[in-house]
Amino acid sequence: MRDSDSDTPAGGALPGDAIGDPLRHRPTLYLVDASLYVFRAWHAMPDEVQDADGWPVNAVHGFARFLLELLERERPRHVAIAFDEALDSSFRNAIYPAYKANRAPAPQELRRQFAYCKALCSTLGLVVLAHREYEADDLIGTSLHLARGAGFRSVIVSADKDLSQLLAGDDEQWDFARGQRWGMHGVKARLGVEAHQVADYLALSGDPVDNIPGVPGIGAKTAATLLAHFGSLDVLLARSDEVGYLRFRGAAQAGVRLRLHREQALLCRRLSTIALDAPLDAGPPFLRDAVDAATLAALADALRFGPMTRRRLHAACGLEPLAGN
């Protein structure tokens, strides 16, 4: 799916600008959950890959491969890359200090590579989003919210289930590694709840990845059953005395737990809900900028990219082919 809108960056048209999908009448904004793909590359690529100063750049090389494949396949005109800088300084940590406290801090070798990944995105003319108090999910959510108001549909490039709560209309989420895409109507088949119920679902069942406890004794299946019957966490808590009359195993105990842990459930929903009002340095249309060939070459030298990667970078940016190619 590619855009057919006619905005052109200062450096000229990017490849694929004129190609459009007749079924899509709105411009598409691609929102990339970068940290997920940096971490995957960090674990997948051998750390013998080093930059000109001898530091590991395996995550950067792996992330560059992912990014190039995305640019080559989709040729997006509107794209923003969101990075996590709020790993222990998010506004959620002020609400709940144990939030993500189960995660070990990233090693220095990886933190250095995150800076390189941001530099790569900026050099490629892509909008980079990062904030010390808001996570990548919040930056993606805010961007999607603003873009929706400006007439865009969005494609969220991430496998993170939390982000499914943002889907509405013809927005999509794309698990790039598995090649799976789904819209708001595909969320229930994956999680057992509707897209607009995802934050309530996580508030009940918890999210061990982010150290969100949920309601003790309420698992994923029970949470989905309760939301299917009551529709929302607010209605469920207001009518918790009715839970014991439902026909599922452990219904009576679930009702008691909901009454005992009502405030915890509400807290967990605050933690699970993606912000739509994060401060952004850029907003719609998140248009790709012109690329300076000399700056790109200098970064490629520093990262010791091979000739094939350099050729792909030039092609993805619409630059003239490298001499001798």
Protein backbone atom coordinates (compact mmCIF):
# COMPACT_ATOMS: atom_id res chain seq x y z
CA MET A 1 0.00 0.00 0.00
CA ARG A 2 1.52 3.27 -1.12
CA ASP A 3 0.44 6.85 -1.06
CA SER A 4 -0.81 8.79 -4.03
CA ASP A 5 -0.82 12.30 -2.54
CA SER A 6 1.21 14.86 -4.43
CA ASP A 7 3.44 16.55 -1.82
CA THR A 8 7.06 16.46 -2.92
CA PRO A 9 10.09 16.98 -0.61
CA ALA A 10 12.59 19.69 -1.41
CA GLY A 11 15.03 17.22 -2.92
CA GLY A 12 12.55 15.98 -5.54
CA ALA A 13 10.22 13.03 -5.80
CA LEU A 14 10.97 9.85 -3.94
CA PRO A 15 10.68 6.49 -5.68
CA GLY A 16 7.10 5.33 -5.99
CA ASP A 17 5.50 8.74 -5.43
CA ALA A 18 3.10 8.35 -8.33
CA ILE A 19 2.05 4.82 -7.41
CA GLY A 20 -1.23 4.63 -5.52
CA ASP A 21 -3.69 2.05 -4.32
CA PRO A 22 -7.11 2.89 -5.78
CA LEU A 23 -8.77 1.39 -2.70
CA ARG A 24 -7.03 3.92 -0.46
CA HIS A 25 -8.09 7.54 -0.87
CA ARG A 26 -6.32 9.01 2.14
CA PRO A 27 -2.57 9.50 2.55
CA THR A 28 -0.89 6.94 4.78
CA LEU A 29 1.37 7.75 7.72
CA TYR A 30 3.80 5.01 8.77
CA LEU A 31 4.64 5.04 12.48
CA VAL A 32 7.58 2.83 13.42
CA ASP A 33 8.22 1.48 16.92
CA ALA A 34 11.99 1.69 16.44
CA SER A 35 13.19 0.37 19.80
CA LEU A 36 11.57 -3.00 19.18
CA TYR A 37 13.58 -3.49 16.00
CA VAL A 38 16.81 -2.15 17.50
CA PHE A 39 16.58 -4.66 20.35
CA ARG A 40 15.81 -7.49 17.94
CA ALA A 41 18.85 -6.60 15.86
CA TRP A 42 20.99 -6.40 19.01
CA HIS A 43 20.13 -10.00 19.85
CA ALA A 44 20.22 -11.31 16.28
CA MET A 45 23.41 -9.79 14.84
CA PRO A 46 26.94 -10.83 15.90
CA ASP A 47 28.69 -8.16 17.98
CA GLU A 48 31.89 -8.49 15.93
CA VAL A 49 30.45 -5.80 13.65
CA GLN A 50 32.20 -2.57 14.75
CA ASP A 51 32.30 1.08 13.80
CA ALA A 52 35.42 3.05 12.81
CA ASP A 53 36.29 3.51 16.53
CA GLY A 54 35.95 -0.17 17.39
CA TRP A 55 32.53 0.04 19.11
CA PRO A 56 29.91 -2.62 18.31
CA VAL A 57 27.34 -1.52 15.72
CA ASN A 58 25.58 -4.84 15.21
CA ALA A 59 22.21 -3.39 16.28
CA VAL A 60 22.63 -0.46 13.89
CA HIS A 61 23.40 -2.76 10.96
CA GLY A 62 20.40 -4.95 11.75
CA PHE A 63 18.13 -1.95 12.21
CA ALA A 64 19.38 -0.50 8.90
CA ARG A 65 18.39 -3.74 7.14
CA PHE A 66 14.91 -3.57 8.60
CA LEU A 67 14.56 0.10 7.73
CA LEU A 68 15.75 -0.39 4.17
CA GLU A 69 13.35 -3.26 3.62
CA LEU A 70 10.48 -1.12 4.90
CA LEU A 71 11.45 1.83 2.67
CA GLU A 72 11.94 -0.38 -0.37
CA ARG A 73 8.68 -2.27 0.04
CA GLU A 74 6.35 0.60 0.98
CA ARG A 75 8.17 3.69 -0.31
CA PRO A 76 6.40 5.81 2.30
CA ARG A 77 6.16 9.56 1.84
CA HIS A 78 4.89 10.22 5.38
CA VAL A 79 6.79 8.43 8.13
CA ALA A 80 7.88 8.95 11.73
CA ILE A 81 10.28 6.77 13.73
CA ALA A 82 9.60 6.69 17.48
CA PHE A 83 12.35 5.86 19.97
CA ASP A 84 12.12 5.11 23.69
CA GLU A 85 14.08 7.50 25.89
CA ALA A 86 11.70 7.28 28.87
CA LEU A 87 12.72 3.80 30.04
CA ASP A 88 12.88 4.92 33.69
CA SER A 89 11.72 8.55 33.48
CA SER A 90 8.25 8.15 32.02
CA PHE A 91 5.31 9.98 33.58
CA ARG A 92 4.10 6.47 34.45
CA ASN A 93 7.04 6.03 36.82
CA ALA A 94 5.78 8.99 38.83
CA ILE A 95 2.37 7.32 39.06
CA TYR A 96 3.74 3.85 39.81
CA PRO A 97 7.49 3.63 40.64
CA ALA A 98 7.56 -0.12 39.94
CA TYR A 99 6.57 0.45 36.32
CA LYS A 100 9.04 -1.48 34.13
CA ALA A 101 11.26 -1.97 37.19
CA ASN A 102 11.69 -5.62 36.15
CA ARG A 103 13.79 -4.58 33.13
CA ALA A 104 17.57 -4.46 33.31
CA PRO A 105 19.11 -1.21 32.00
CA ALA A 106 20.51 -1.33 28.48
CA PRO A 107 24.29 -1.82 28.37
CA GLN A 108 26.46 1.10 27.30
CA GLU A 109 27.27 -0.60 23.99
CA LEU A 110 23.59 -0.67 23.10
CA ARG A 111 22.80 2.87 24.30
CA ARG A 112 25.51 4.16 21.99
CA GLN A 113 23.91 2.29 19.10
CA PHE A 114 20.52 3.87 19.75
CA ALA A 115 22.13 7.24 19.09
CA TYR A 116 23.49 5.91 15.80
CA CYS A 117 20.05 4.57 14.82
CA LYS A 118 18.50 7.97 15.43
CA ALA A 119 21.25 9.61 13.39
CA LEU A 120 20.64 7.15 10.56
CA CYS A 121 16.92 7.95 10.48
CA SER A 122 17.56 11.70 10.52
CA THR A 123 20.15 11.38 7.77
CA LEU A 124 17.64 9.47 5.66
CA GLY A 125 15.23 12.40 5.98
CA LEU A 126 12.86 10.59 8.33
CA VAL A 127 11.09 12.33 11.22
CA VAL A 128 12.50 11.10 14.56
CA LEU A 129 10.34 11.19 17.70
CA ALA A 130 11.79 10.85 21.22
CA HIS A 131 10.99 12.32 24.64
CA ARG A 132 12.29 11.86 28.18
CA GLU A 133 8.82 11.63 29.78
CA TYR A 134 6.78 9.94 27.07
CA GLU A 135 7.39 6.48 25.65
CA ALA A 136 7.46 5.56 22.00
CA ASP A 137 3.90 4.23 22.33
CA ASP A 138 2.73 7.68 23.45
CA LEU A 139 4.59 9.42 20.64
CA ILE A 140 3.01 7.01 18.15
CA GLY A 141 -0.43 7.47 19.72
CA THR A 142 -0.20 11.25 19.66
CA SER A 143 1.08 11.25 16.08
CA LEU A 144 -1.73 8.94 14.95
CA HIS A 145 -4.31 11.07 16.75
CA LEU A 146 -3.08 14.28 15.12
CA ALA A 147 -2.71 12.63 11.71
CA ARG A 148 -6.25 11.23 11.89
CA GLY A 149 -7.53 14.75 12.43
CA ALA A 150 -5.53 15.88 9.39
CA GLY A 151 -7.10 13.24 7.13
CA PHE A 152 -4.46 10.50 7.30
CA ARG A 153 -4.79 6.79 7.90
CA SER A 154 -1.93 5.23 9.85
CA VAL A 155 0.07 2.02 9.74
CA ILE A 156 1.76 1.19 13.06
CA VAL A 157 4.86 -0.90 12.41
CA SER A 158 5.17 -2.92 15.62
CA ALA A 159 4.19 -6.25 17.16
CA ASP A 160 3.41 -4.62 20.53
CA LYS A 161 -0.13 -5.59 21.59
CA ASP A 162 -0.53 -2.35 23.59
CA LEU A 163 -0.58 -0.35 20.36
CA SER A 164 -3.68 -2.16 19.09
CA GLN A 165 -5.77 0.13 21.32
CA LEU A 166 -5.04 2.94 18.82
CA LEU A 167 -6.63 1.24 15.83
CA ALA A 168 -9.81 2.71 14.36
CA GLY A 169 -11.31 3.12 10.92
CA ASP A 170 -8.87 1.91 8.28
CA ASP A 171 -5.73 2.16 10.45
CA GLU A 172 -3.54 -0.94 10.53
CA GLN A 173 -0.91 -2.54 12.71
CA TRP A 174 1.91 -4.44 11.04
CA ASP A 175 4.06 -7.10 12.67
CA PHE A 176 6.84 -6.63 10.15
CA ALA A 177 8.93 -9.66 11.14
CA ARG A 178 6.01 -12.07 10.80
CA GLY A 179 4.43 -10.32 7.82
CA GLN A 180 1.08 -10.00 9.60
CA ARG A 181 -1.20 -6.96 9.29
CA TRP A 182 -4.53 -6.30 10.98
CA GLY A 183 -6.99 -3.50 11.55
CA MET A 184 -9.36 -2.72 14.39
CA HIS A 185 -11.60 -5.68 13.51
CA GLY A 186 -8.66 -8.07 13.69
CA VAL A 187 -7.77 -7.26 17.29
CA LYS A 188 -10.40 -9.52 18.85
CA ALA A 189 -9.04 -12.60 17.06
CA ARG A 190 -5.61 -11.83 18.52
CA LEU A 191 -6.43 -10.67 22.05
CA GLY A 192 -10.03 -11.70 22.64
CA VAL A 193 -11.24 -8.10 23.05
CA GLU A 194 -12.08 -5.17 20.79
CA ALA A 195 -9.46 -2.53 20.00
CA HIS A 196 -11.11 0.06 22.25
CA GLN A 197 -11.03 -2.43 25.16
CA VAL A 198 -7.30 -3.18 25.08
CA ALA A 199 -6.32 -0.78 27.90
CA ASP A 200 -9.16 -2.12 30.09
CA TYR A 201 -8.09 -5.67 29.24
CA LEU A 202 -4.49 -4.98 30.33
CA ALA A 203 -5.76 -3.24 33.47
CA LEU A 204 -7.52 -6.46 34.46
CA SER A 205 -5.09 -9.14 33.28
CA GLY A 206 -1.89 -7.15 33.81
CA ASP A 207 1.17 -6.91 31.59
CA PRO A 208 4.30 -8.64 32.95
CA VAL A 209 6.45 -7.08 30.21
CA ASP A 210 5.81 -3.63 31.70
CA ASN A 211 5.43 -4.87 35.30
CA ILE A 212 1.75 -3.87 35.41
CA PRO A 213 0.13 -6.15 38.02
CA GLY A 214 -3.52 -6.04 36.95
CA VAL A 215 -6.13 -7.54 39.30
CA PRO A 216 -4.82 -10.59 41.21
CA GLY A 217 -6.45 -13.78 40.00
CA ILE A 218 -7.89 -12.23 36.83
CA GLY A 219 -6.20 -13.80 33.81
CA ALA A 220 -6.48 -13.03 30.12
CA LYS A 221 -9.46 -15.33 29.49
CA THR A 222 -11.45 -14.02 32.45
CA ALA A 223 -10.66 -10.42 31.53
CA ALA A 224 -11.92 -10.99 27.99
CA THR A 225 -15.08 -12.70 29.30
CA LEU A 226 -15.84 -9.83 31.69
CA LEU A 227 -15.33 -7.16 29.05
CA ALA A 228 -17.47 -9.06 26.56
CA HIS A 229 -20.32 -8.97 29.09
CA PHE A 230 -19.91 -5.50 30.61
CA GLY A 231 -18.23 -3.62 27.75
CA SER A 232 -15.79 -1.53 29.77
CA LEU A 233 -13.84 -1.48 33.02
CA ASP A 234 -15.95 1.38 34.38
CA VAL A 235 -19.21 -0.52 33.90
CA LEU A 236 -17.64 -3.70 35.26
CA LEU A 237 -16.49 -2.01 38.47
CA ALA A 238 -19.84 -0.26 38.91
CA ARG A 239 -21.66 -3.60 38.58
CA SER A 240 -19.08 -5.90 40.18
CA ASP A 241 -21.74 -7.37 42.44
CA GLU A 242 -23.27 -8.98 39.33
CA VAL A 243 -20.08 -10.83 38.37
CA GLY A 244 -20.76 -13.72 40.74
CA TYR A 245 -23.91 -14.60 38.80
CA LEU A 246 -22.09 -15.07 35.49
CA ARG A 247 -21.60 -18.59 34.21
CA PHE A 248 -17.86 -19.15 34.22
CA ARG A 249 -15.61 -20.94 36.65
CA GLY A 250 -14.41 -18.68 39.45
CA ALA A 251 -17.03 -15.97 38.82
CA ALA A 252 -17.78 -15.45 42.51
CA GLN A 253 -14.09 -15.08 43.40
CA ALA A 254 -13.59 -12.72 40.47
CA GLY A 255 -16.33 -10.44 41.77
CA VAL A 256 -14.71 -10.34 45.21
CA ARG A 257 -11.27 -9.58 43.73
CA LEU A 258 -12.66 -6.75 41.62
CA ARG A 259 -14.20 -5.12 44.68
CA LEU A 260 -11.04 -5.57 46.74
CA HIS A 261 -8.70 -4.27 44.02
CA ARG A 262 -10.85 -1.61 42.39
CA GLU A 263 -8.29 1.19 42.81
CA GLN A 264 -5.48 -1.02 41.54
CA ALA A 265 -7.49 -1.80 38.41
CA LEU A 266 -8.00 1.92 37.76
CA LEU A 267 -4.30 2.58 38.34
CA CYS A 268 -3.35 -0.19 35.92
CA ARG A 269 -5.62 1.30 33.28
CA ARG A 270 -3.81 4.63 33.64
CA LEU A 271 -0.55 2.80 33.10
CA SER A 272 -1.89 0.84 30.12
CA THR A 273 -3.56 3.73 28.31
CA ILE A 274 -1.46 5.30 25.56
CA ALA A 275 -1.25 9.07 25.78
CA LEU A 276 -2.62 11.11 22.88
CA ASP A 277 -1.23 14.45 24.06
CA ALA A 278 2.54 13.95 24.15
CA PRO A 279 4.59 17.01 23.12
CA LEU A 280 5.98 16.56 19.61
CA ASP A 281 8.67 18.47 17.76
CA ALA A 282 6.98 17.59 14.48
CA GLY A 283 3.44 16.90 13.38
CA PRO A 284 1.46 16.00 10.27
CA PRO A 285 2.25 15.50 7.49
CA PHE A 286 5.58 13.98 8.76
CA LEU A 287 6.86 14.35 5.22
CA ARG A 288 10.22 12.81 4.34
CA ASP A 289 12.90 15.46 3.93
CA ALA A 290 15.60 15.80 1.30
CA VAL A 291 18.76 13.75 1.89
CA ASP A 292 22.28 15.16 1.71
CA ALA A 293 24.51 12.65 -0.08
CA ALA A 294 27.71 13.83 1.64
CA THR A 295 26.19 13.49 5.13
CA LEU A 296 24.89 10.04 4.26
CA ALA A 297 28.32 8.99 2.96
CA ALA A 298 30.05 10.22 6.14
CA LEU A 299 27.65 8.25 8.36
CA ALA A 300 28.06 5.16 6.17
CA ASP A 301 31.83 5.47 6.58
CA ALA A 302 31.56 5.79 10.37
CA LEU A 303 29.30 2.74 10.56
CA ARG A 304 31.39 0.80 8.06
CA PHE A 305 28.46 -0.06 5.84
CA GLY A 306 29.34 -2.27 2.88
CA PRO A 307 28.83 -1.33 -0.77
CA MET A 308 25.51 -3.18 -1.08
CA THR A 309 24.01 -1.32 1.90
CA ARG A 310 25.30 2.00 0.53
CA ARG A 311 23.69 1.34 -2.84
CA ARG A 312 20.40 0.48 -1.17
CA LEU A 313 20.53 3.62 0.96
CA HIS A 314 21.07 5.80 -2.08
CA ALA A 315 18.26 4.11 -3.99
CA ALA A 316 15.85 4.34 -1.03
CA CYS A 317 16.50 8.08 -0.81
CA GLY A 318 16.13 8.72 -4.53
CA LEU A 319 19.78 9.79 -4.84
CA GLU A 320 21.93 9.36 -7.88
CA PRO A 321 23.62 5.92 -8.02
CA LEU A 322 27.07 5.73 -6.50
CA ALA A 323 29.96 6.02 -8.94
CA GLY A 324 30.95 2.67 -10.40
CA ASN A 325 27.49 1.11 -9.79
